[in-house]
Amino acid sequence: MAENIYDEIEIEDMTYDSTLQIYHYPCPCGDRFEIAIADLRDGEDIAVCPSCSLMIRVVFEVDSLPKVDEAEGVQIPVAA
């Protein structure tokens, strides 16, 4: 499958919305690229802009994602 990747972005450069459980990053069209943390945990690394055809590849390590306590729905720190 040929993908039209606009750029590769480090996850540290993205903004995490803990309420919506998504990472987002500004798109040149004025909207923003979005990817759900659940998709990242499942190995997805492509964030899409809902307003245009651009996509970015998110560079990250699964172990560095925020952990979520499923029962409480609260982020817990990653153990060192």
C-alpha atoms as a PDB file:
ATOM      1  CA  MET A   1       0.000   0.000   0.000  1.00  0.00           C
ATOM      2  CA  ALA A   2       1.490   3.325  -1.050  1.00  0.00           C
ATOM      3  CA  GLU A   3       1.102   5.986   1.600  1.00  0.00           C
ATOM      4  CA  ASN A   4       1.399   9.715   1.025  1.00  0.00           C
ATOM      5  CA  ILE A   5       3.254  10.741   4.197  1.00  0.00           C
ATOM      6  CA  TYR A   6       3.648  14.506   4.610  1.00  0.00           C
ATOM      7  CA  ASP A   7       6.204  14.312   7.436  1.00  0.00           C
ATOM      8  CA  GLU A   8       7.499  12.254  10.361  1.00  0.00           C
ATOM      9  CA  ILE A   9       6.828  13.789  13.771  1.00  0.00           C
ATOM     10  CA  GLU A  10       8.235  12.744  17.136  1.00  0.00           C
ATOM     11  CA  ILE A  11       5.424  12.061  19.594  1.00  0.00           C
ATOM     12  CA  GLU A  12       7.096  14.476  22.042  1.00  0.00           C
ATOM     13  CA  ASP A  13       6.284  17.284  19.558  1.00  0.00           C
ATOM     14  CA  MET A  14       2.580  16.414  19.572  1.00  0.00           C
ATOM     15  CA  THR A  15      -0.054  17.497  22.107  1.00  0.00           C
ATOM     16  CA  TYR A  16      -1.890  14.852  24.133  1.00  0.00           C
ATOM     17  CA  ASP A  17      -5.555  15.413  24.997  1.00  0.00           C
ATOM     18  CA  SER A  18      -6.248  13.133  27.977  1.00  0.00           C
ATOM     19  CA  THR A  19     -10.008  13.770  27.808  1.00  0.00           C
ATOM     20  CA  LEU A  20     -10.326  12.606  24.193  1.00  0.00           C
ATOM     21  CA  GLN A  21      -7.390  10.159  24.469  1.00  0.00           C
ATOM     22  CA  ILE A  22      -5.785  11.504  21.272  1.00  0.00           C
ATOM     23  CA  TYR A  23      -2.522  13.058  20.199  1.00  0.00           C
ATOM     24  CA  HIS A  24      -2.737  15.957  17.777  1.00  0.00           C
ATOM     25  CA  TYR A  25      -0.395  18.129  15.734  1.00  0.00           C
ATOM     26  CA  PRO A  26      -1.072  21.221  13.563  1.00  0.00           C
ATOM     27  CA  CYS A  27      -1.702  20.559   9.863  1.00  0.00           C
ATOM     28  CA  PRO A  28      -0.700  23.104   7.191  1.00  0.00           C
ATOM     29  CA  CYS A  29      -4.355  23.297   6.092  1.00  0.00           C
ATOM     30  CA  GLY A  30      -5.300  24.877   9.432  1.00  0.00           C
ATOM     31  CA  ASP A  31      -6.865  21.787  11.015  1.00  0.00           C
ATOM     32  CA  ARG A  32      -4.826  19.180  12.914  1.00  0.00           C
ATOM     33  CA  PHE A  33      -3.553  15.647  12.501  1.00  0.00           C
ATOM     34  CA  GLU A  34      -5.058  13.262  15.053  1.00  0.00           C
ATOM     35  CA  ILE A  35      -4.367   9.737  16.253  1.00  0.00           C
ATOM     36  CA  ALA A  36      -5.979   7.913  19.164  1.00  0.00           C
ATOM     37  CA  ILE A  37      -3.744   6.542  21.887  1.00  0.00           C
ATOM     38  CA  ALA A  38      -5.506   3.167  21.498  1.00  0.00           C
ATOM     39  CA  ASP A  39      -4.377   3.074  17.853  1.00  0.00           C
ATOM     40  CA  LEU A  40      -0.802   3.871  18.893  1.00  0.00           C
ATOM     41  CA  ARG A  41      -0.902   1.042  21.443  1.00  0.00           C
ATOM     42  CA  ASP A  42      -2.096  -1.273  18.641  1.00  0.00           C
ATOM     43  CA  GLY A  43       0.961  -0.337  16.553  1.00  0.00           C
ATOM     44  CA  GLU A  44      -0.647   2.253  14.260  1.00  0.00           C
ATOM     45  CA  ASP A  45       1.716   5.117  13.495  1.00  0.00           C
ATOM     46  CA  ILE A  46      -0.178   7.182  10.908  1.00  0.00           C
ATOM     47  CA  ALA A  47      -2.054  10.298  12.042  1.00  0.00           C
ATOM     48  CA  VAL A  48      -4.513  11.798   9.572  1.00  0.00           C
ATOM     49  CA  CYS A  49      -5.978  15.236   9.084  1.00  0.00           C
ATOM     50  CA  PRO A  50      -9.784  15.093   8.884  1.00  0.00           C
ATOM     51  CA  SER A  51      -9.907  18.157   6.584  1.00  0.00           C
ATOM     52  CA  CYS A  52      -7.371  17.286   3.893  1.00  0.00           C
ATOM     53  CA  SER A  53      -5.535  14.280   2.488  1.00  0.00           C
ATOM     54  CA  LEU A  54      -2.299  14.764   4.438  1.00  0.00           C
ATOM     55  CA  MET A  55      -0.934  12.137   6.825  1.00  0.00           C
ATOM     56  CA  ILE A  56       2.049  12.080   9.168  1.00  0.00           C
ATOM     57  CA  ARG A  57       4.010   9.181  10.601  1.00  0.00           C
ATOM     58  CA  VAL A  58       4.268   9.356  14.393  1.00  0.00           C
ATOM     59  CA  VAL A  59       7.655   8.295  15.746  1.00  0.00           C
ATOM     60  CA  PHE A  60       7.191   6.736  19.193  1.00  0.00           C
ATOM     61  CA  GLU A  61       7.870   3.779  21.453  1.00  0.00           C
ATOM     62  CA  VAL A  62       4.823   1.924  22.810  1.00  0.00           C
ATOM     63  CA  ASP A  63       6.457   1.656  26.242  1.00  0.00           C
ATOM     64  CA  SER A  64       6.643   5.458  26.509  1.00  0.00           C
ATOM     65  CA  LEU A  65       2.895   6.045  25.986  1.00  0.00           C
ATOM     66  CA  PRO A  66       0.826   7.156  28.984  1.00  0.00           C
ATOM     67  CA  LYS A  67      -0.586   4.167  30.837  1.00  0.00           C
ATOM     68  CA  VAL A  68      -4.297   4.065  31.610  1.00  0.00           C
ATOM     69  CA  ASP A  69      -5.882   2.240  34.517  1.00  0.00           C
ATOM     70  CA  GLU A  70      -8.832   0.627  32.722  1.00  0.00           C
ATOM     71  CA  ALA A  71     -11.013   0.498  35.843  1.00  0.00           C
ATOM     72  CA  GLU A  72     -10.577   4.151  36.747  1.00  0.00           C
ATOM     73  CA  GLY A  73      -9.818   5.656  33.327  1.00  0.00           C
ATOM     74  CA  VAL A  74      -6.990   7.626  34.965  1.00  0.00           C
ATOM     75  CA  GLN A  75      -3.461   7.990  33.664  1.00  0.00           C
ATOM     76  CA  ILE A  76      -0.818   6.405  35.846  1.00  0.00           C
ATOM     77  CA  PRO A  77       2.912   7.082  35.508  1.00  0.00           C
ATOM     78  CA  VAL A  78       5.159   4.682  33.639  1.00  0.00           C
ATOM     79  CA  ALA A  79       7.272   2.669  36.084  1.00  0.00           C
ATOM     80  CA  ALA A  80      10.968   3.428  35.796  1.00  0.00           C
END
